[in-house]
Amino acid sequence: MTAELVMDYLGALCLAAGALFALAAAVGLVRFPDPLSRMHAATKPAVFGLVLVLLGVALTLRDPKVITLVTFAVVMQVMTAPVSGHLVARTAHRTGQWDAEHAVVDELADDQAADKDD
């Protein structure tokens, strides 16, 4: 087996695994009951799936321009997904659209209560 063929197979494997993670994220968005659970499904497996798909593309194409663009896309996704997830979680908490009964720790409520006391 040549190195190019091995990289093609690894690229195909990464593409398939990334597609499965993206599918799991989509199913989680539809099936999970509250916004905090959906936020988890929208950020973690979706980002990991995208990283795997882009890695598969980079392994398959092996072009420096593609690798540069893929690297930029991964960095931007890793930087922005946690911020958007955090904003969704704070909005769900403030509007009361989350499952407070099953929460083990609610540090945001403590912080908000401390801010009201000041």
Protein backbone atom coordinates (compact mmCIF):
# COMPACT_ATOMS: atom_id res chain seq x y z
CA MET A 1 0.00 0.00 0.00
CA THR A 2 1.27 3.44 -0.85
CA ALA A 3 1.19 6.39 1.51
CA GLU A 4 -1.37 8.18 -0.67
CA LEU A 5 -3.73 5.23 -0.54
CA VAL A 6 -3.42 5.05 3.25
CA MET A 7 -4.15 8.78 3.52
CA ASP A 8 -7.18 8.35 1.26
CA TYR A 9 -8.52 5.57 3.48
CA LEU A 10 -7.87 7.60 6.64
CA GLY A 11 -9.58 10.58 5.02
CA ALA A 12 -12.62 8.46 4.16
CA LEU A 13 -12.71 7.09 7.69
CA CYS A 14 -12.58 10.62 9.14
CA LEU A 15 -15.34 11.76 6.79
CA ALA A 16 -17.58 8.86 7.82
CA ALA A 17 -16.90 9.36 11.54
CA GLY A 18 -17.51 13.10 11.24
CA ALA A 19 -20.79 12.48 9.46
CA LEU A 20 -21.88 10.15 12.28
CA PHE A 21 -21.04 12.77 14.91
CA ALA A 22 -22.95 15.40 12.94
CA LEU A 23 -25.92 13.01 12.74
CA ALA A 24 -25.74 12.41 16.49
CA ALA A 25 -25.74 16.18 17.06
CA ALA A 26 -28.78 16.61 14.83
CA VAL A 27 -30.65 13.83 16.61
CA GLY A 28 -29.74 15.38 19.95
CA LEU A 29 -31.11 18.75 18.87
CA VAL A 30 -34.42 17.16 18.01
CA ARG A 31 -34.71 14.70 20.88
CA PHE A 32 -33.28 16.44 23.95
CA PRO A 33 -35.91 18.02 26.22
CA ASP A 34 -34.47 21.35 27.36
CA PRO A 35 -32.27 24.08 25.87
CA LEU A 36 -29.23 23.20 27.97
CA SER A 37 -29.23 19.63 26.70
CA ARG A 38 -29.76 20.84 23.16
CA MET A 39 -26.91 23.31 23.58
CA HIS A 40 -24.63 20.44 24.52
CA ALA A 41 -25.69 18.51 21.43
CA ALA A 42 -25.26 21.57 19.22
CA THR A 43 -21.73 22.34 20.36
CA LYS A 44 -19.67 19.32 21.35
CA PRO A 45 -20.49 16.55 18.86
CA ALA A 46 -21.20 18.99 16.05
CA VAL A 47 -17.82 20.68 16.43
CA PHE A 48 -16.01 17.36 16.73
CA GLY A 49 -17.88 16.06 13.67
CA LEU A 50 -16.92 19.13 11.68
CA VAL A 51 -13.29 18.79 12.73
CA LEU A 52 -13.29 15.15 11.59
CA VAL A 53 -14.92 16.02 8.26
CA LEU A 54 -12.42 18.80 7.61
CA LEU A 55 -9.54 16.52 8.61
CA GLY A 56 -10.85 13.96 6.14
CA VAL A 57 -10.99 16.59 3.42
CA ALA A 58 -7.43 17.71 4.21
CA LEU A 59 -6.14 14.12 4.18
CA THR A 60 -7.87 13.35 0.91
CA LEU A 61 -6.96 16.49 -1.03
CA ARG A 62 -3.47 17.13 0.46
CA ASP A 63 -3.22 20.64 -0.99
CA PRO A 64 -1.52 23.36 1.09
CA LYS A 65 -4.28 25.86 0.25
CA VAL A 66 -6.95 23.42 1.43
CA ILE A 67 -5.02 22.61 4.60
CA THR A 68 -4.69 26.33 5.38
CA LEU A 69 -8.40 26.93 4.85
CA VAL A 70 -9.34 23.84 6.88
CA THR A 71 -7.09 24.96 9.73
CA PHE A 72 -8.71 28.41 9.71
CA ALA A 73 -12.20 26.87 9.72
CA VAL A 74 -11.35 24.57 12.63
CA VAL A 75 -9.85 27.40 14.68
CA MET A 76 -12.86 29.63 14.09
CA GLN A 77 -15.30 26.84 14.97
CA VAL A 78 -13.44 25.93 18.15
CA MET A 79 -13.35 29.61 19.17
CA THR A 80 -16.99 30.46 18.46
CA ALA A 81 -18.93 27.32 19.45
CA PRO A 82 -18.29 27.60 23.21
CA VAL A 83 -19.24 31.29 23.18
CA SER A 84 -22.53 30.65 21.39
CA GLY A 85 -23.29 27.70 23.65
CA HIS A 86 -22.61 29.83 26.71
CA LEU A 87 -24.94 32.57 25.46
CA VAL A 88 -27.70 30.05 24.75
CA ALA A 89 -27.31 28.57 28.23
CA ARG A 90 -27.44 31.98 29.95
CA THR A 91 -30.49 33.01 27.94
CA ALA A 92 -32.29 29.75 28.76
CA HIS A 93 -31.48 30.18 32.43
CA ARG A 94 -32.61 33.81 32.59
CA THR A 95 -35.89 33.12 30.79
CA GLY A 96 -36.62 30.02 32.87
CA GLN A 97 -36.64 27.66 29.91
CA TRP A 98 -34.39 25.05 31.46
CA ASP A 99 -34.98 22.04 33.69
CA ALA A 100 -34.15 23.43 37.13
CA GLU A 101 -35.48 20.35 38.96
CA HIS A 102 -32.72 18.09 37.65
CA ALA A 103 -29.86 20.56 38.02
CA VAL A 104 -27.23 19.49 40.53
CA VAL A 105 -25.51 22.88 40.77
CA ASP A 106 -26.87 26.29 39.84
CA GLU A 107 -24.02 28.76 40.21
CA LEU A 108 -25.62 31.33 37.92
CA ALA A 109 -28.61 31.70 40.25
CA ASP A 110 -26.23 32.22 43.17
CA ASP A 111 -24.37 34.91 41.22
CA GLN A 112 -27.59 36.62 40.21
CA ALA A 113 -28.84 36.58 43.81
CA ALA A 114 -25.54 38.08 45.00
CA ASP A 115 -25.83 40.82 42.35
CA LYS A 116 -29.35 41.70 43.52
CA ASP A 117 -28.17 41.99 47.13
CA ASP A 118 -25.46 44.51 46.19
